[in-house]
Amino acid sequence: MKAIKCKNLYKDENGKQIECGRMLAILTDLQVDILKIDTEKPVFRCPKCHPEDRWLEIGYDESGKLIFKVLEKHPEFKPEDNLQYEELEIITQVG
């Protein structure tokens, strides 16, 4: 299993750059193997980092090494035409 941790860098109070390190996901060995052949790379969002630095993409490069890429901007998500969903109403009973 592989743990996916945030690689965003930020400055602390003293101006020193620190890597975030927050755990974003844990991938099974099968999921890691799928990354080797899949052309679409999964995108993760770090809730701890600044809104402009939250997006990470993981995948394998040409040499077969697992890479983490911090995206420069918010990725464009395009929902599929056949995407179906249901609305869920959450009600709290009072009294």
PDB file of N, CA and C in Angstrom:
ATOM      1  N   MET A   1       0.840  -1.183   0.000  1.00  0.00           N
ATOM      2  CA  MET A   1       0.000   0.000   0.000  1.00  0.00           C
ATOM      3  C   MET A   1       0.881   1.240   0.000  1.00  0.00           C
ATOM      4  N   LYS A   2       0.391   2.262  -0.686  1.00  0.00           N
ATOM      5  CA  LYS A   2       1.123   3.530  -0.761  1.00  0.00           C
ATOM      6  C   LYS A   2       0.300   4.626  -0.120  1.00  0.00           C
ATOM      7  N   ALA A   3       0.917   5.418   0.715  1.00  0.00           N
ATOM      8  CA  ALA A   3       0.267   6.579   1.306  1.00  0.00           C
ATOM      9  C   ALA A   3       0.553   7.786   0.431  1.00  0.00           C
ATOM     10  N   ILE A   4      -0.482   8.529   0.083  1.00  0.00           N
ATOM     11  CA  ILE A   4      -0.341   9.751  -0.701  1.00  0.00           C
ATOM     12  C   ILE A   4      -0.374  10.919   0.266  1.00  0.00           C
ATOM     13  N   LYS A   5       0.740  11.629   0.333  1.00  0.00           N
ATOM     14  CA  LYS A   5       0.848  12.771   1.236  1.00  0.00           C
ATOM     15  C   LYS A   5       1.014  14.045   0.422  1.00  0.00           C
ATOM     16  N   CYS A   6       0.524  15.141   0.965  1.00  0.00           N
ATOM     17  CA  CYS A   6       0.595  16.436   0.289  1.00  0.00           C
ATOM     18  C   CYS A   6       2.047  16.900   0.189  1.00  0.00           C
ATOM     19  N   LYS A   7       2.428  17.353  -1.009  1.00  0.00           N
ATOM     20  CA  LYS A   7       3.793  17.818  -1.246  1.00  0.00           C
ATOM     21  C   LYS A   7       3.869  19.340  -1.384  1.00  0.00           C
ATOM     22  N   ASN A   8       2.773  20.041  -1.072  1.00  0.00           N
ATOM     23  CA  ASN A   8       2.790  21.498  -1.165  1.00  0.00           C
ATOM     24  C   ASN A   8       3.773  22.079  -0.153  1.00  0.00           C
ATOM     25  N   LEU A   9       4.451  23.151  -0.553  1.00  0.00           N
ATOM     26  CA  LEU A   9       5.392  23.841   0.338  1.00  0.00           C
ATOM     27  C   LEU A   9       4.773  25.151   0.794  1.00  0.00           C
ATOM     28  N   TYR A  10       4.968  25.480   2.054  1.00  0.00           N
ATOM     29  CA  TYR A  10       4.516  26.761   2.580  1.00  0.00           C
ATOM     30  C   TYR A  10       5.549  27.284   3.563  1.00  0.00           C
ATOM     31  N   LYS A  11       5.450  28.562   3.899  1.00  0.00           N
ATOM     32  CA  LYS A  11       6.408  29.179   4.810  1.00  0.00           C
ATOM     33  C   LYS A  11       5.815  29.265   6.207  1.00  0.00           C
ATOM     34  N   ASP A  12       6.646  28.946   7.204  1.00  0.00           N
ATOM     35  CA  ASP A  12       6.193  29.063   8.585  1.00  0.00           C
ATOM     36  C   ASP A  12       6.436  30.485   9.090  1.00  0.00           C
ATOM     37  N   GLU A  13       6.265  30.698  10.384  1.00  0.00           N
ATOM     38  CA  GLU A  13       6.410  32.044  10.968  1.00  0.00           C
ATOM     39  C   GLU A  13       7.794  32.627  10.756  1.00  0.00           C
ATOM     40  N   ASN A  14       8.819  31.776  10.698  1.00  0.00           N
ATOM     41  CA  ASN A  14      10.203  32.226  10.549  1.00  0.00           C
ATOM     42  C   ASN A  14      10.633  32.363   9.094  1.00  0.00           C
ATOM     43  N   GLY A  15       9.734  32.069   8.143  1.00  0.00           N
ATOM     44  CA  GLY A  15      10.066  32.175   6.730  1.00  0.00           C
ATOM     45  C   GLY A  15      10.697  30.924   6.142  1.00  0.00           C
ATOM     46  N   LYS A  16      10.778  29.858   6.932  1.00  0.00           N
ATOM     47  CA  LYS A  16      11.357  28.601   6.462  1.00  0.00           C
ATOM     48  C   LYS A  16      10.304  27.815   5.688  1.00  0.00           C
ATOM     49  N   GLN A  17      10.689  27.255   4.530  1.00  0.00           N
ATOM     50  CA  GLN A  17       9.747  26.471   3.736  1.00  0.00           C
ATOM     51  C   GLN A  17       9.586  25.075   4.319  1.00  0.00           C
ATOM     52  N   ILE A  18       8.337  24.668   4.489  1.00  0.00           N
ATOM     53  CA  ILE A  18       8.015  23.367   5.074  1.00  0.00           C
ATOM     54  C   ILE A  18       7.056  22.646   4.145  1.00  0.00           C
ATOM     55  N   GLU A  19       7.253  21.334   3.995  1.00  0.00           N
ATOM     56  CA  GLU A  19       6.327  20.518   3.219  1.00  0.00           C
ATOM     57  C   GLU A  19       5.119  20.197   4.088  1.00  0.00           C
ATOM     58  N   CYS A  20       3.936  20.297   3.512  1.00  0.00           N
ATOM     59  CA  CYS A  20       2.690  20.084   4.247  1.00  0.00           C
ATOM     60  C   CYS A  20       2.659  18.703   4.896  1.00  0.00           C
ATOM     61  N   GLY A  21       2.760  17.627   4.118  1.00  0.00           N
ATOM     62  CA  GLY A  21       2.836  16.275   4.658  1.00  0.00           C
ATOM     63  C   GLY A  21       1.522  15.656   5.092  1.00  0.00           C
ATOM     64  N   ARG A  22       0.398  16.331   4.887  1.00  0.00           N
ATOM     65  CA  ARG A  22      -0.904  15.771   5.287  1.00  0.00           C
ATOM     66  C   ARG A  22      -1.239  14.547   4.437  1.00  0.00           C
ATOM     67  N   MET A  23      -1.731  13.474   5.056  1.00  0.00           N
ATOM     68  CA  MET A  23      -2.095  12.270   4.321  1.00  0.00           C
ATOM     69  C   MET A  23      -3.417  12.509   3.600  1.00  0.00           C
ATOM     70  N   LEU A  24      -3.409  12.263   2.279  1.00  0.00           N
ATOM     71  CA  LEU A  24      -4.595  12.490   1.460  1.00  0.00           C
ATOM     72  C   LEU A  24      -5.317  11.204   1.104  1.00  0.00           C
ATOM     73  N   ALA A  25      -4.593  10.125   0.903  1.00  0.00           N
ATOM     74  CA  ALA A  25      -5.205   8.856   0.513  1.00  0.00           C
ATOM     75  C   ALA A  25      -4.215   7.726   0.739  1.00  0.00           C
ATOM     76  N   ILE A  26      -4.748   6.520   0.796  1.00  0.00           N
ATOM     77  CA  ILE A  26      -3.929   5.314   0.844  1.00  0.00           C
ATOM     78  C   ILE A  26      -4.376   4.444  -0.328  1.00  0.00           C
ATOM     79  N   LEU A  27      -3.446   4.112  -1.196  1.00  0.00           N
ATOM     80  CA  LEU A  27      -3.752   3.313  -2.373  1.00  0.00           C
ATOM     81  C   LEU A  27      -3.318   1.871  -2.159  1.00  0.00           C
ATOM     82  N   THR A  28      -4.168   0.950  -2.570  1.00  0.00           N
ATOM     83  CA  THR A  28      -3.801  -0.466  -2.508  1.00  0.00           C
ATOM     84  C   THR A  28      -2.790  -0.761  -3.605  1.00  0.00           C
ATOM     85  N   ASP A  29      -2.171  -1.929  -3.551  1.00  0.00           N
ATOM     86  CA  ASP A  29      -1.199  -2.331  -4.570  1.00  0.00           C
ATOM     87  C   ASP A  29      -1.869  -2.417  -5.942  1.00  0.00           C
ATOM     88  N   LEU A  30      -3.121  -2.862  -5.986  1.00  0.00           N
ATOM     89  CA  LEU A  30      -3.849  -2.932  -7.254  1.00  0.00           C
ATOM     90  C   LEU A  30      -4.062  -1.540  -7.835  1.00  0.00           C
ATOM     91  N   GLN A  31      -4.434  -0.581  -7.009  1.00  0.00           N
ATOM     92  CA  GLN A  31      -4.626   0.789  -7.483  1.00  0.00           C
ATOM     93  C   GLN A  31      -3.318   1.381  -7.996  1.00  0.00           C
ATOM     94  N   VAL A  32      -2.217   1.068  -7.341  1.00  0.00           N
ATOM     95  CA  VAL A  32      -0.909   1.555  -7.792  1.00  0.00           C
ATOM     96  C   VAL A  32      -0.570   0.938  -9.150  1.00  0.00           C
ATOM     97  N   ASP A  33      -0.861  -0.356  -9.323  1.00  0.00           N
ATOM     98  CA  ASP A  33      -0.610  -1.016 -10.608  1.00  0.00           C
ATOM     99  C   ASP A  33      -1.469  -0.429 -11.716  1.00  0.00           C
ATOM    100  N   ILE A  34      -2.706  -0.066 -11.407  1.00  0.00           N
ATOM    101  CA  ILE A  34      -3.594   0.552 -12.403  1.00  0.00           C
ATOM    102  C   ILE A  34      -3.036   1.895 -12.853  1.00  0.00           C
ATOM    103  N   LEU A  35      -2.400   2.620 -11.952  1.00  0.00           N
ATOM    104  CA  LEU A  35      -1.797   3.909 -12.310  1.00  0.00           C
ATOM    105  C   LEU A  35      -0.726   3.759 -13.385  1.00  0.00           C
ATOM    106  N   LYS A  36      -0.078   2.600 -13.421  1.00  0.00           N
ATOM    107  CA  LYS A  36       0.998   2.380 -14.386  1.00  0.00           C
ATOM    108  C   LYS A  36       0.476   2.304 -15.818  1.00  0.00           C
ATOM    109  N   ILE A  37      -0.757   1.830 -15.997  1.00  0.00           N
ATOM    110  CA  ILE A  37      -1.290   1.666 -17.353  1.00  0.00           C
ATOM    111  C   ILE A  37      -2.367   2.691 -17.702  1.00  0.00           C
ATOM    112  N   ASP A  38      -2.936   3.353 -16.707  1.00  0.00           N
ATOM    113  CA  ASP A  38      -4.013   4.311 -16.955  1.00  0.00           C
ATOM    114  C   ASP A  38      -3.444   5.655 -17.389  1.00  0.00           C
ATOM    115  N   THR A  39      -4.042   6.250 -18.417  1.00  0.00           N
ATOM    116  CA  THR A  39      -3.564   7.547 -18.904  1.00  0.00           C
ATOM    117  C   THR A  39      -4.130   8.708 -18.089  1.00  0.00           C
ATOM    118  N   GLU A  40      -5.283   8.512 -17.465  1.00  0.00           N
ATOM    119  CA  GLU A  40      -5.853   9.558 -16.616  1.00  0.00           C
ATOM    120  C   GLU A  40      -5.233   9.467 -15.235  1.00  0.00           C
ATOM    121  N   LYS A  41      -4.738  10.580 -14.756  1.00  0.00           N
ATOM    122  CA  LYS A  41      -4.085  10.599 -13.450  1.00  0.00           C
ATOM    123  C   LYS A  41      -5.059  11.134 -12.405  1.00  0.00           C
ATOM    124  N   PRO A  42      -5.170  10.470 -11.251  1.00  0.00           N
ATOM    125  CA  PRO A  42      -6.074  10.963 -10.216  1.00  0.00           C
ATOM    126  C   PRO A  42      -5.578  12.277  -9.627  1.00  0.00           C
ATOM    127  N   VAL A  43      -6.535  13.114  -9.239  1.00  0.00           N
ATOM    128  CA  VAL A  43      -6.241  14.421  -8.660  1.00  0.00           C
ATOM    129  C   VAL A  43      -6.753  14.423  -7.224  1.00  0.00           C
ATOM    130  N   PHE A  44      -5.918  14.897  -6.322  1.00  0.00           N
ATOM    131  CA  PHE A  44      -6.278  14.982  -4.913  1.00  0.00           C
ATOM    132  C   PHE A  44      -6.252  16.438  -4.480  1.00  0.00           C
ATOM    133  N   ARG A  45      -7.064  16.762  -3.481  1.00  0.00           N
ATOM    134  CA  ARG A  45      -7.115  18.122  -2.960  1.00  0.00           C
ATOM    135  C   ARG A  45      -6.756  18.098  -1.486  1.00  0.00           C
ATOM    136  N   CYS A  46      -5.851  18.979  -1.096  1.00  0.00           N
ATOM    137  CA  CYS A  46      -5.437  19.068   0.303  1.00  0.00           C
ATOM    138  C   CYS A  46      -6.280  20.142   0.999  1.00  0.00           C
ATOM    139  N   PRO A  47      -7.063  19.776   2.013  1.00  0.00           N
ATOM    140  CA  PRO A  47      -7.894  20.772   2.696  1.00  0.00           C
ATOM    141  C   PRO A  47      -7.101  21.698   3.614  1.00  0.00           C
ATOM    142  N   LYS A  48      -5.866  21.337   3.915  1.00  0.00           N
ATOM    143  CA  LYS A  48      -5.057  22.135   4.841  1.00  0.00           C
ATOM    144  C   LYS A  48      -4.348  23.308   4.145  1.00  0.00           C
ATOM    145  N   CYS A  49      -4.002  23.132   2.885  1.00  0.00           N
ATOM    146  CA  CYS A  49      -3.194  24.127   2.178  1.00  0.00           C
ATOM    147  C   CYS A  49      -4.030  25.301   1.663  1.00  0.00           C
ATOM    148  N   HIS A  50      -3.322  26.337   1.244  1.00  0.00           N
ATOM    149  CA  HIS A  50      -3.945  27.527   0.663  1.00  0.00           C
ATOM    150  C   HIS A  50      -4.782  27.112  -0.548  1.00  0.00           C
ATOM    151  N   PRO A  51      -5.933  27.748  -0.785  1.00  0.00           N
ATOM    152  CA  PRO A  51      -6.817  27.318  -1.888  1.00  0.00           C
ATOM    153  C   PRO A  51      -6.145  27.227  -3.248  1.00  0.00           C
ATOM    154  N   GLU A  52      -5.154  28.036  -3.520  1.00  0.00           N
ATOM    155  CA  GLU A  52      -4.498  27.995  -4.822  1.00  0.00           C
ATOM    156  C   GLU A  52      -3.470  26.866  -4.923  1.00  0.00           C
ATOM    157  N   ASP A  53      -3.089  26.275  -3.798  1.00  0.00           N
ATOM    158  CA  ASP A  53      -2.051  25.241  -3.786  1.00  0.00           C
ATOM    159  C   ASP A  53      -2.576  23.867  -3.394  1.00  0.00           C
ATOM    160  N   ARG A  54      -3.856  23.643  -3.475  1.00  0.00           N
ATOM    161  CA  ARG A  54      -4.437  22.432  -2.923  1.00  0.00           C
ATOM    162  C   ARG A  54      -4.402  21.227  -3.835  1.00  0.00           C
ATOM    163  N   TRP A  55      -4.188  21.377  -5.106  1.00  0.00           N
ATOM    164  CA  TRP A  55      -4.426  20.308  -6.063  1.00  0.00           C
ATOM    165  C   TRP A  55      -3.150  19.555  -6.413  1.00  0.00           C
ATOM    166  N   LEU A  56      -3.172  18.212  -6.249  1.00  0.00           N
ATOM    167  CA  LEU A  56      -2.047  17.337  -6.541  1.00  0.00           C
ATOM    168  C   LEU A  56      -2.484  16.261  -7.522  1.00  0.00           C
ATOM    169  N   GLU A  57      -1.587  15.917  -8.429  1.00  0.00           N
ATOM    170  CA  GLU A  57      -1.858  14.857  -9.397  1.00  0.00           C
ATOM    171  C   GLU A  57      -0.771  13.802  -9.217  1.00  0.00           C
ATOM    172  N   ILE A  58      -1.169  12.521  -9.243  1.00  0.00           N
ATOM    173  CA  ILE A  58      -0.172  11.469  -9.122  1.00  0.00           C
ATOM    174  C   ILE A  58      -0.233  10.564 -10.342  1.00  0.00           C
ATOM    175  N   GLY A  59       0.881   9.975 -10.684  1.00  0.00           N
ATOM    176  CA  GLY A  59       0.956   9.057 -11.810  1.00  0.00           C
ATOM    177  C   GLY A  59       2.390   8.635 -12.032  1.00  0.00           C
ATOM    178  N   TYR A  60       2.602   7.855 -13.067  1.00  0.00           N
ATOM    179  CA  TYR A  60       3.935   7.381 -13.406  1.00  0.00           C
ATOM    180  C   TYR A  60       4.470   8.156 -14.599  1.00  0.00           C
ATOM    181  N   ASP A  61       5.761   8.465 -14.576  1.00  0.00           N
ATOM    182  CA  ASP A  61       6.388   9.124 -15.720  1.00  0.00           C
ATOM    183  C   ASP A  61       6.909   8.068 -16.691  1.00  0.00           C
ATOM    184  N   GLU A  62       7.604   8.510 -17.740  1.00  0.00           N
ATOM    185  CA  GLU A  62       8.091   7.604 -18.777  1.00  0.00           C
ATOM    186  C   GLU A  62       9.110   6.594 -18.251  1.00  0.00           C
ATOM    187  N   SER A  63       9.845   6.972 -17.225  1.00  0.00           N
ATOM    188  CA  SER A  63      10.871   6.071 -16.684  1.00  0.00           C
ATOM    189  C   SER A  63      10.298   5.052 -15.704  1.00  0.00           C
ATOM    190  N   GLY A  64       8.995   5.139 -15.394  1.00  0.00           N
ATOM    191  CA  GLY A  64       8.370   4.191 -14.482  1.00  0.00           C
ATOM    192  C   GLY A  64       8.436   4.598 -13.027  1.00  0.00           C
ATOM    193  N   LYS A  65       8.713   5.864 -12.771  1.00  0.00           N
ATOM    194  CA  LYS A  65       8.811   6.361 -11.407  1.00  0.00           C
ATOM    195  C   LYS A  65       7.493   7.047 -11.021  1.00  0.00           C
ATOM    196  N   LEU A  66       6.994   6.768  -9.817  1.00  0.00           N
ATOM    197  CA  LEU A  66       5.777   7.406  -9.317  1.00  0.00           C
ATOM    198  C   LEU A  66       6.079   8.863  -9.001  1.00  0.00           C
ATOM    199  N   ILE A  67       5.296   9.776  -9.589  1.00  0.00           N
ATOM    200  CA  ILE A  67       5.555  11.203  -9.403  1.00  0.00           C
ATOM    201  C   ILE A  67       4.333  11.889  -8.806  1.00  0.00           C
ATOM    202  N   PHE A  68       4.602  12.930  -8.052  1.00  0.00           N
ATOM    203  CA  PHE A  68       3.576  13.787  -7.476  1.00  0.00           C
ATOM    204  C   PHE A  68       3.745  15.162  -8.108  1.00  0.00           C
ATOM    205  N   LYS A  69       2.687  15.666  -8.703  1.00  0.00           N
ATOM    206  CA  LYS A  69       2.766  16.955  -9.376  1.00  0.00           C
ATOM    207  C   LYS A  69       1.769  17.906  -8.736  1.00  0.00           C
ATOM    208  N   VAL A  70       2.252  19.043  -8.260  1.00  0.00           N
ATOM    209  CA  VAL A  70       1.375  20.078  -7.723  1.00  0.00           C
ATOM    210  C   VAL A  70       0.860  20.876  -8.917  1.00  0.00           C
ATOM    211  N   LEU A  71      -0.450  20.935  -9.061  1.00  0.00           N
ATOM    212  CA  LEU A  71      -1.047  21.633 -10.202  1.00  0.00           C
ATOM    213  C   LEU A  71      -1.007  23.138  -9.974  1.00  0.00           C
ATOM    214  N   GLU A  72      -0.758  23.877 -11.030  1.00  0.00           N
ATOM    215  CA  GLU A  72      -0.646  25.332 -10.950  1.00  0.00           C
ATOM    216  C   GLU A  72      -1.984  26.006 -10.657  1.00  0.00           C
ATOM    217  N   LYS A  73      -3.073  25.412 -11.169  1.00  0.00           N
ATOM    218  CA  LYS A  73      -4.386  26.021 -10.974  1.00  0.00           C
ATOM    219  C   LYS A  73      -5.420  24.928 -10.770  1.00  0.00           C
ATOM    220  N   HIS A  74      -6.610  25.346 -10.433  1.00  0.00           N
ATOM    221  CA  HIS A  74      -7.723  24.423 -10.226  1.00  0.00           C
ATOM    222  C   HIS A  74      -7.981  23.645 -11.504  1.00  0.00           C
ATOM    223  N   PRO A  75      -8.027  22.305 -11.430  1.00  0.00           N
ATOM    224  CA  PRO A  75      -8.274  21.524 -12.645  1.00  0.00           C
ATOM    225  C   PRO A  75      -9.716  21.687 -13.125  1.00  0.00           C
ATOM    226  N   GLU A  76      -9.911  21.572 -14.421  1.00  0.00           N
ATOM    227  CA  GLU A  76     -11.242  21.673 -15.006  1.00  0.00           C
ATOM    228  C   GLU A  76     -11.893  20.300 -14.973  1.00  0.00           C
ATOM    229  N   PHE A  77     -12.899  20.153 -14.136  1.00  0.00           N
ATOM    230  CA  PHE A  77     -13.637  18.903 -14.079  1.00  0.00           C
ATOM    231  C   PHE A  77     -14.844  19.009 -14.982  1.00  0.00           C
ATOM    232  N   LYS A  78     -14.988  18.059 -15.887  1.00  0.00           N
ATOM    233  CA  LYS A  78     -16.101  18.049 -16.820  1.00  0.00           C
ATOM    234  C   LYS A  78     -16.936  16.804 -16.540  1.00  0.00           C
ATOM    235  N   PRO A  79     -18.139  16.987 -15.983  1.00  0.00           N
ATOM    236  CA  PRO A  79     -18.964  15.811 -15.706  1.00  0.00           C
ATOM    237  C   PRO A  79     -19.416  15.142 -17.001  1.00  0.00           C
ATOM    238  N   GLU A  80     -19.536  13.837 -16.943  1.00  0.00           N
ATOM    239  CA  GLU A  80     -19.983  13.091 -18.110  1.00  0.00           C
ATOM    240  C   GLU A  80     -21.471  13.337 -18.328  1.00  0.00           C
ATOM    241  N   ASP A  81     -21.919  13.190 -19.574  1.00  0.00           N
ATOM    242  CA  ASP A  81     -23.318  13.425 -19.901  1.00  0.00           C
ATOM    243  C   ASP A  81     -24.240  12.421 -19.226  1.00  0.00           C
ATOM    244  N   ASN A  82     -23.789  11.199 -19.054  1.00  0.00           N
ATOM    245  CA  ASN A  82     -24.638  10.169 -18.484  1.00  0.00           C
ATOM    246  C   ASN A  82     -24.507  10.053 -16.963  1.00  0.00           C
ATOM    247  N   LEU A  83     -23.935  11.061 -16.331  1.00  0.00           N
ATOM    248  CA  LEU A  83     -23.761  11.048 -14.883  1.00  0.00           C
ATOM    249  C   LEU A  83     -25.115  11.196 -14.205  1.00  0.00           C
ATOM    250  N   GLN A  84     -25.444  10.271 -13.318  1.00  0.00           N
ATOM    251  CA  GLN A  84     -26.712  10.316 -12.606  1.00  0.00           C
ATOM    252  C   GLN A  84     -26.439  10.526 -11.125  1.00  0.00           C
ATOM    253  N   TYR A  85     -27.319  11.255 -10.484  1.00  0.00           N
ATOM    254  CA  TYR A  85     -27.154  11.502  -9.065  1.00  0.00           C
ATOM    255  C   TYR A  85     -28.528  11.693  -8.435  1.00  0.00           C
ATOM    256  N   GLU A  86     -28.558  11.581  -7.125  1.00  0.00           N
ATOM    257  CA  GLU A  86     -29.778  11.797  -6.361  1.00  0.00           C
ATOM    258  C   GLU A  86     -29.497  12.846  -5.307  1.00  0.00           C
ATOM    259  N   GLU A  87     -30.525  13.612  -4.948  1.00  0.00           N
ATOM    260  CA  GLU A  87     -30.382  14.587  -3.895  1.00  0.00           C
ATOM    261  C   GLU A  87     -30.757  13.942  -2.565  1.00  0.00           C
ATOM    262  N   LEU A  88     -30.042  14.269  -1.535  1.00  0.00           N
ATOM    263  CA  LEU A  88     -30.280  13.719  -0.216  1.00  0.00           C
ATOM    264  C   LEU A  88     -30.672  14.860   0.715  1.00  0.00           C
ATOM    265  N   GLU A  89     -31.847  14.734   1.337  1.00  0.00           N
ATOM    266  CA  GLU A  89     -32.279  15.751   2.280  1.00  0.00           C
ATOM    267  C   GLU A  89     -31.948  15.284   3.688  1.00  0.00           C
ATOM    268  N   ILE A  90     -31.258  16.140   4.429  1.00  0.00           N
ATOM    269  CA  ILE A  90     -30.913  15.830   5.807  1.00  0.00           C
ATOM    270  C   ILE A  90     -31.815  16.662   6.703  1.00  0.00           C
ATOM    271  N   ILE A  91     -32.609  15.975   7.530  1.00  0.00           N
ATOM    272  CA  ILE A  91     -33.595  16.652   8.376  1.00  0.00           C
ATOM    273  C   ILE A  91     -33.273  16.331   9.816  1.00  0.00           C
ATOM    274  N   THR A  92     -33.318  17.343  10.644  1.00  0.00           N
ATOM    275  CA  THR A  92     -33.116  17.161  12.068  1.00  0.00           C
ATOM    276  C   THR A  92     -34.448  17.372  12.764  1.00  0.00           C
ATOM    277  N   GLN A  93     -34.872  16.401  13.553  1.00  0.00           N
ATOM    278  CA  GLN A  93     -36.127  16.514  14.276  1.00  0.00           C
ATOM    279  C   GLN A  93     -35.914  17.331  15.522  1.00  0.00           C
ATOM    280  N   VAL A  94     -36.773  18.304  15.746  1.00  0.00           N
ATOM    281  CA  VAL A  94     -36.658  19.171  16.920  1.00  0.00           C
ATOM    282  C   VAL A  94     -37.799  18.827  17.871  1.00  0.00           C
ATOM    283  N   GLY A  95     -37.457  18.636  19.147  1.00  0.00           N
ATOM    284  CA  GLY A  95     -38.491  18.417  20.160  1.00  0.00           C
ATOM    285  C   GLY A  95     -38.907  17.019  20.384  1.00  0.00           C
TER     286      GLY A  95
END
